[in-house]
Amino acid sequence: MFKHILIPTDGSKLSEAAVRSGIQLAKEQGAQVTALYVMPDYSAMIYSADALMTYNAAEFEKSTQKDADKVLQFAIDIAKAEGVECKTARVMNISVNQAIVQGAQDSQCDLICMASHGRKGIAGILLGSETQRVLVNSKVPVLVHRPLV
């Protein structure tokens, strides 16, 4: 049924669980996966002169790439152990949900499998949910992985 599954991950425990589940689904479906890491584009959010003076773009880029390497390697290792073809992608974007939706389109994925961080109450209202935004904006079906509580 599914041929190519996009699995966005941020390296959190909940995302790691979604990676495992998404790769298991891909194995059962005979599908390939693309693991996506969205690097935050904090430079687009810097406004004051003080912030610009303390902001080191090269160091930030190096740190972000290192984080992406670690997170994506986790997905590669799980996929390899399960015998699933796994590509990786990383993109820098101020909007995580837009990057995920675009990543699914660019990679011609037919499913997005992602974690729900399950924020409740005021945190959910104030912070919102990237998963919710992907659900609203994606033309590609979205499978939301929620941990058993």
C-alpha atoms as a PDB file:
ATOM      1  CA  MET A   1       0.000   0.000   0.000  1.00  0.00           C
ATOM      2  CA  PHE A   2       2.711   2.518   0.978  1.00  0.00           C
ATOM      3  CA  LYS A   3       5.900   2.781  -1.037  1.00  0.00           C
ATOM      4  CA  HIS A   4       7.760   5.713   0.540  1.00  0.00           C
ATOM      5  CA  ILE A   5       7.322   6.930   4.110  1.00  0.00           C
ATOM      6  CA  LEU A   6       8.673  10.222   5.445  1.00  0.00           C
ATOM      7  CA  ILE A   7       9.636  10.038   9.109  1.00  0.00           C
ATOM      8  CA  PRO A   8      10.412  13.456  10.586  1.00  0.00           C
ATOM      9  CA  THR A   9      12.411  13.238  13.791  1.00  0.00           C
ATOM     10  CA  ASP A  10      13.870  15.644  16.300  1.00  0.00           C
ATOM     11  CA  GLY A  11      15.791  13.080  18.339  1.00  0.00           C
ATOM     12  CA  SER A  12      13.409  13.109  21.300  1.00  0.00           C
ATOM     13  CA  LYS A  13      12.343   9.827  22.900  1.00  0.00           C
ATOM     14  CA  LEU A  14       8.881  10.217  21.372  1.00  0.00           C
ATOM     15  CA  SER A  15      10.366  10.800  17.930  1.00  0.00           C
ATOM     16  CA  GLU A  16      12.632   7.779  18.345  1.00  0.00           C
ATOM     17  CA  ALA A  17       9.556   5.659  19.077  1.00  0.00           C
ATOM     18  CA  ALA A  18       7.894   7.020  15.927  1.00  0.00           C
ATOM     19  CA  VAL A  19      11.049   6.211  13.936  1.00  0.00           C
ATOM     20  CA  ARG A  20      10.929   2.617  15.169  1.00  0.00           C
ATOM     21  CA  SER A  21       7.220   2.290  14.354  1.00  0.00           C
ATOM     22  CA  GLY A  22       7.549   3.961  10.971  1.00  0.00           C
ATOM     23  CA  ILE A  23      10.419   1.713   9.977  1.00  0.00           C
ATOM     24  CA  GLN A  24       8.500  -1.358  11.164  1.00  0.00           C
ATOM     25  CA  LEU A  25       5.539  -0.258   9.033  1.00  0.00           C
ATOM     26  CA  ALA A  26       7.864   0.265   6.069  1.00  0.00           C
ATOM     27  CA  LYS A  27       9.258  -3.242   6.549  1.00  0.00           C
ATOM     28  CA  GLU A  28       5.753  -4.726   6.589  1.00  0.00           C
ATOM     29  CA  GLN A  29       4.774  -2.725   3.503  1.00  0.00           C
ATOM     30  CA  GLY A  30       8.002  -3.273   1.576  1.00  0.00           C
ATOM     31  CA  ALA A  31       8.435   0.497   1.517  1.00  0.00           C
ATOM     32  CA  GLN A  32      11.466   2.744   1.738  1.00  0.00           C
ATOM     33  CA  VAL A  33      11.801   5.548   4.261  1.00  0.00           C
ATOM     34  CA  THR A  34      13.257   9.002   4.314  1.00  0.00           C
ATOM     35  CA  ALA A  35      14.209  10.275   7.758  1.00  0.00           C
ATOM     36  CA  LEU A  36      13.937  14.058   7.934  1.00  0.00           C
ATOM     37  CA  TYR A  37      15.592  16.383  10.431  1.00  0.00           C
ATOM     38  CA  VAL A  38      14.477  20.005  10.361  1.00  0.00           C
ATOM     39  CA  MET A  39      17.181  22.313  11.624  1.00  0.00           C
ATOM     40  CA  PRO A  40      15.779  25.459  13.236  1.00  0.00           C
ATOM     41  CA  ASP A  41      16.658  28.644  11.396  1.00  0.00           C
ATOM     42  CA  TYR A  42      17.259  30.827  14.420  1.00  0.00           C
ATOM     43  CA  SER A  43      19.115  33.392  12.348  1.00  0.00           C
ATOM     44  CA  ALA A  44      15.777  34.409  10.868  1.00  0.00           C
ATOM     45  CA  MET A  45      14.527  35.170  14.380  1.00  0.00           C
ATOM     46  CA  ILE A  46      17.398  37.391  15.528  1.00  0.00           C
ATOM     47  CA  TYR A  47      16.323  41.016  15.724  1.00  0.00           C
ATOM     48  CA  SER A  48      18.469  43.042  18.084  1.00  0.00           C
ATOM     49  CA  ALA A  49      21.995  44.295  17.539  1.00  0.00           C
ATOM     50  CA  ASP A  50      23.066  42.666  20.823  1.00  0.00           C
ATOM     51  CA  ALA A  51      21.909  39.273  19.591  1.00  0.00           C
ATOM     52  CA  LEU A  52      23.740  39.746  16.324  1.00  0.00           C
ATOM     53  CA  MET A  53      26.968  40.485  18.177  1.00  0.00           C
ATOM     54  CA  THR A  54      26.781  37.239  20.175  1.00  0.00           C
ATOM     55  CA  TYR A  55      25.473  35.080  17.324  1.00  0.00           C
ATOM     56  CA  ASN A  56      28.151  33.002  15.630  1.00  0.00           C
ATOM     57  CA  ALA A  57      26.690  31.553  12.430  1.00  0.00           C
ATOM     58  CA  ALA A  58      29.554  29.130  11.811  1.00  0.00           C
ATOM     59  CA  GLU A  59      29.386  27.654  15.312  1.00  0.00           C
ATOM     60  CA  PHE A  60      25.614  27.404  15.162  1.00  0.00           C
ATOM     61  CA  GLU A  61      25.773  25.645  11.786  1.00  0.00           C
ATOM     62  CA  LYS A  62      28.405  23.207  13.054  1.00  0.00           C
ATOM     63  CA  SER A  63      26.377  22.389  16.160  1.00  0.00           C
ATOM     64  CA  THR A  64      23.155  21.972  14.205  1.00  0.00           C
ATOM     65  CA  GLN A  65      24.796  19.683  11.649  1.00  0.00           C
ATOM     66  CA  LYS A  66      26.239  17.571  14.477  1.00  0.00           C
ATOM     67  CA  ASP A  67      22.776  17.227  16.024  1.00  0.00           C
ATOM     68  CA  ALA A  68      21.314  16.271  12.651  1.00  0.00           C
ATOM     69  CA  ASP A  69      24.035  13.651  12.101  1.00  0.00           C
ATOM     70  CA  LYS A  70      23.278  12.011  15.447  1.00  0.00           C
ATOM     71  CA  VAL A  71      19.501  11.979  14.993  1.00  0.00           C
ATOM     72  CA  LEU A  72      19.610  10.733  11.407  1.00  0.00           C
ATOM     73  CA  GLN A  73      22.179   8.048  12.246  1.00  0.00           C
ATOM     74  CA  PHE A  74      19.683   6.608  14.728  1.00  0.00           C
ATOM     75  CA  ALA A  75      17.152   6.185  11.900  1.00  0.00           C
ATOM     76  CA  ILE A  76      19.784   4.707   9.571  1.00  0.00           C
ATOM     77  CA  ASP A  77      20.807   2.159  12.208  1.00  0.00           C
ATOM     78  CA  ILE A  78      17.222   1.060  12.929  1.00  0.00           C
ATOM     79  CA  ALA A  79      16.411   0.784   9.216  1.00  0.00           C
ATOM     80  CA  LYS A  80      19.555  -1.217   8.514  1.00  0.00           C
ATOM     81  CA  ALA A  81      18.742  -3.627  11.336  1.00  0.00           C
ATOM     82  CA  GLU A  82      15.260  -4.110   9.860  1.00  0.00           C
ATOM     83  CA  GLY A  83      16.450  -4.397   6.257  1.00  0.00           C
ATOM     84  CA  VAL A  84      14.628  -1.233   5.163  1.00  0.00           C
ATOM     85  CA  GLU A  85      16.049   1.195   2.623  1.00  0.00           C
ATOM     86  CA  CYS A  86      16.563   4.531   4.372  1.00  0.00           C
ATOM     87  CA  LYS A  87      17.468   7.867   2.882  1.00  0.00           C
ATOM     88  CA  THR A  88      18.052  10.929   5.003  1.00  0.00           C
ATOM     89  CA  ALA A  89      17.304  14.582   4.503  1.00  0.00           C
ATOM     90  CA  ARG A  90      18.010  17.685   6.494  1.00  0.00           C
ATOM     91  CA  VAL A  91      16.707  21.134   5.908  1.00  0.00           C
ATOM     92  CA  MET A  92      16.948  24.452   7.710  1.00  0.00           C
ATOM     93  CA  ASN A  93      13.639  26.229   8.050  1.00  0.00           C
ATOM     94  CA  ILE A  94      11.999  28.595  10.508  1.00  0.00           C
ATOM     95  CA  SER A  95       8.758  26.602  10.111  1.00  0.00           C
ATOM     96  CA  VAL A  96       9.134  22.929  11.039  1.00  0.00           C
ATOM     97  CA  ASN A  97       5.688  21.930   9.808  1.00  0.00           C
ATOM     98  CA  GLN A  98       6.160  23.608   6.431  1.00  0.00           C
ATOM     99  CA  ALA A  99       9.503  21.846   6.042  1.00  0.00           C
ATOM    100  CA  ILE A 100       7.879  18.481   6.783  1.00  0.00           C
ATOM    101  CA  VAL A 101       5.043  19.030   4.313  1.00  0.00           C
ATOM    102  CA  GLN A 102       7.505  20.213   1.656  1.00  0.00           C
ATOM    103  CA  GLY A 103       9.852  17.314   2.414  1.00  0.00           C
ATOM    104  CA  ALA A 104       7.065  14.804   1.829  1.00  0.00           C
ATOM    105  CA  GLN A 105       6.221  16.433  -1.499  1.00  0.00           C
ATOM    106  CA  ASP A 106       9.850  16.744  -2.628  1.00  0.00           C
ATOM    107  CA  SER A 107      10.613  13.095  -1.790  1.00  0.00           C
ATOM    108  CA  GLN A 108       7.326  11.919  -3.341  1.00  0.00           C
ATOM    109  CA  CYS A 109       6.296  10.204  -0.126  1.00  0.00           C
ATOM    110  CA  ASP A 110       2.864   8.663   0.172  1.00  0.00           C
ATOM    111  CA  LEU A 111       2.781   8.735   3.999  1.00  0.00           C
ATOM    112  CA  ILE A 112       4.193  10.856   6.808  1.00  0.00           C
ATOM    113  CA  CYS A 113       4.733   8.985  10.076  1.00  0.00           C
ATOM    114  CA  MET A 114       5.482  11.297  12.965  1.00  0.00           C
ATOM    115  CA  ALA A 115       5.263  11.569  16.723  1.00  0.00           C
ATOM    116  CA  SER A 116       2.737  13.569  18.623  1.00  0.00           C
ATOM    117  CA  HIS A 117       4.314  15.198  21.623  1.00  0.00           C
ATOM    118  CA  GLY A 118       0.928  15.221  23.264  1.00  0.00           C
ATOM    119  CA  ARG A 119       1.083  18.588  24.981  1.00  0.00           C
ATOM    120  CA  LYS A 120      -2.025  19.148  27.001  1.00  0.00           C
ATOM    121  CA  GLY A 121      -3.638  22.088  28.705  1.00  0.00           C
ATOM    122  CA  ILE A 122      -2.072  25.512  28.506  1.00  0.00           C
ATOM    123  CA  ALA A 123       1.193  24.206  26.988  1.00  0.00           C
ATOM    124  CA  GLY A 124      -0.750  22.749  24.069  1.00  0.00           C
ATOM    125  CA  ILE A 125      -2.641  25.974  23.556  1.00  0.00           C
ATOM    126  CA  LEU A 126       0.395  28.254  23.790  1.00  0.00           C
ATOM    127  CA  LEU A 127       2.970  26.120  22.011  1.00  0.00           C
ATOM    128  CA  GLY A 128       0.641  24.510  19.519  1.00  0.00           C
ATOM    129  CA  SER A 129       1.583  21.345  17.782  1.00  0.00           C
ATOM    130  CA  GLU A 130       3.788  20.842  14.767  1.00  0.00           C
ATOM    131  CA  THR A 131       1.976  17.545  14.230  1.00  0.00           C
ATOM    132  CA  GLN A 132      -1.382  19.333  14.211  1.00  0.00           C
ATOM    133  CA  ARG A 133      -0.075  21.858  11.689  1.00  0.00           C
ATOM    134  CA  VAL A 134       1.223  19.066   9.450  1.00  0.00           C
ATOM    135  CA  LEU A 135      -2.168  17.327   9.670  1.00  0.00           C
ATOM    136  CA  VAL A 136      -3.923  20.516   8.601  1.00  0.00           C
ATOM    137  CA  ASN A 137      -1.530  21.443   5.779  1.00  0.00           C
ATOM    138  CA  SER A 138      -0.405  18.153   4.267  1.00  0.00           C
ATOM    139  CA  LYS A 139      -1.933  16.620   1.164  1.00  0.00           C
ATOM    140  CA  VAL A 140      -0.010  13.449   2.027  1.00  0.00           C
ATOM    141  CA  PRO A 141      -1.691  11.199   4.637  1.00  0.00           C
ATOM    142  CA  VAL A 142      -0.226  11.505   8.133  1.00  0.00           C
ATOM    143  CA  LEU A 143       0.076   8.659  10.628  1.00  0.00           C
ATOM    144  CA  VAL A 144       0.480  10.033  14.138  1.00  0.00           C
ATOM    145  CA  HIS A 145       2.420   7.852  16.542  1.00  0.00           C
ATOM    146  CA  ARG A 146       1.312   8.257  20.136  1.00  0.00           C
ATOM    147  CA  PRO A 147       2.996   6.416  22.960  1.00  0.00           C
ATOM    148  CA  LEU A 148       1.016   4.102  25.182  1.00  0.00           C
ATOM    149  CA  VAL A 149       0.617   5.797  28.504  1.00  0.00           C
END
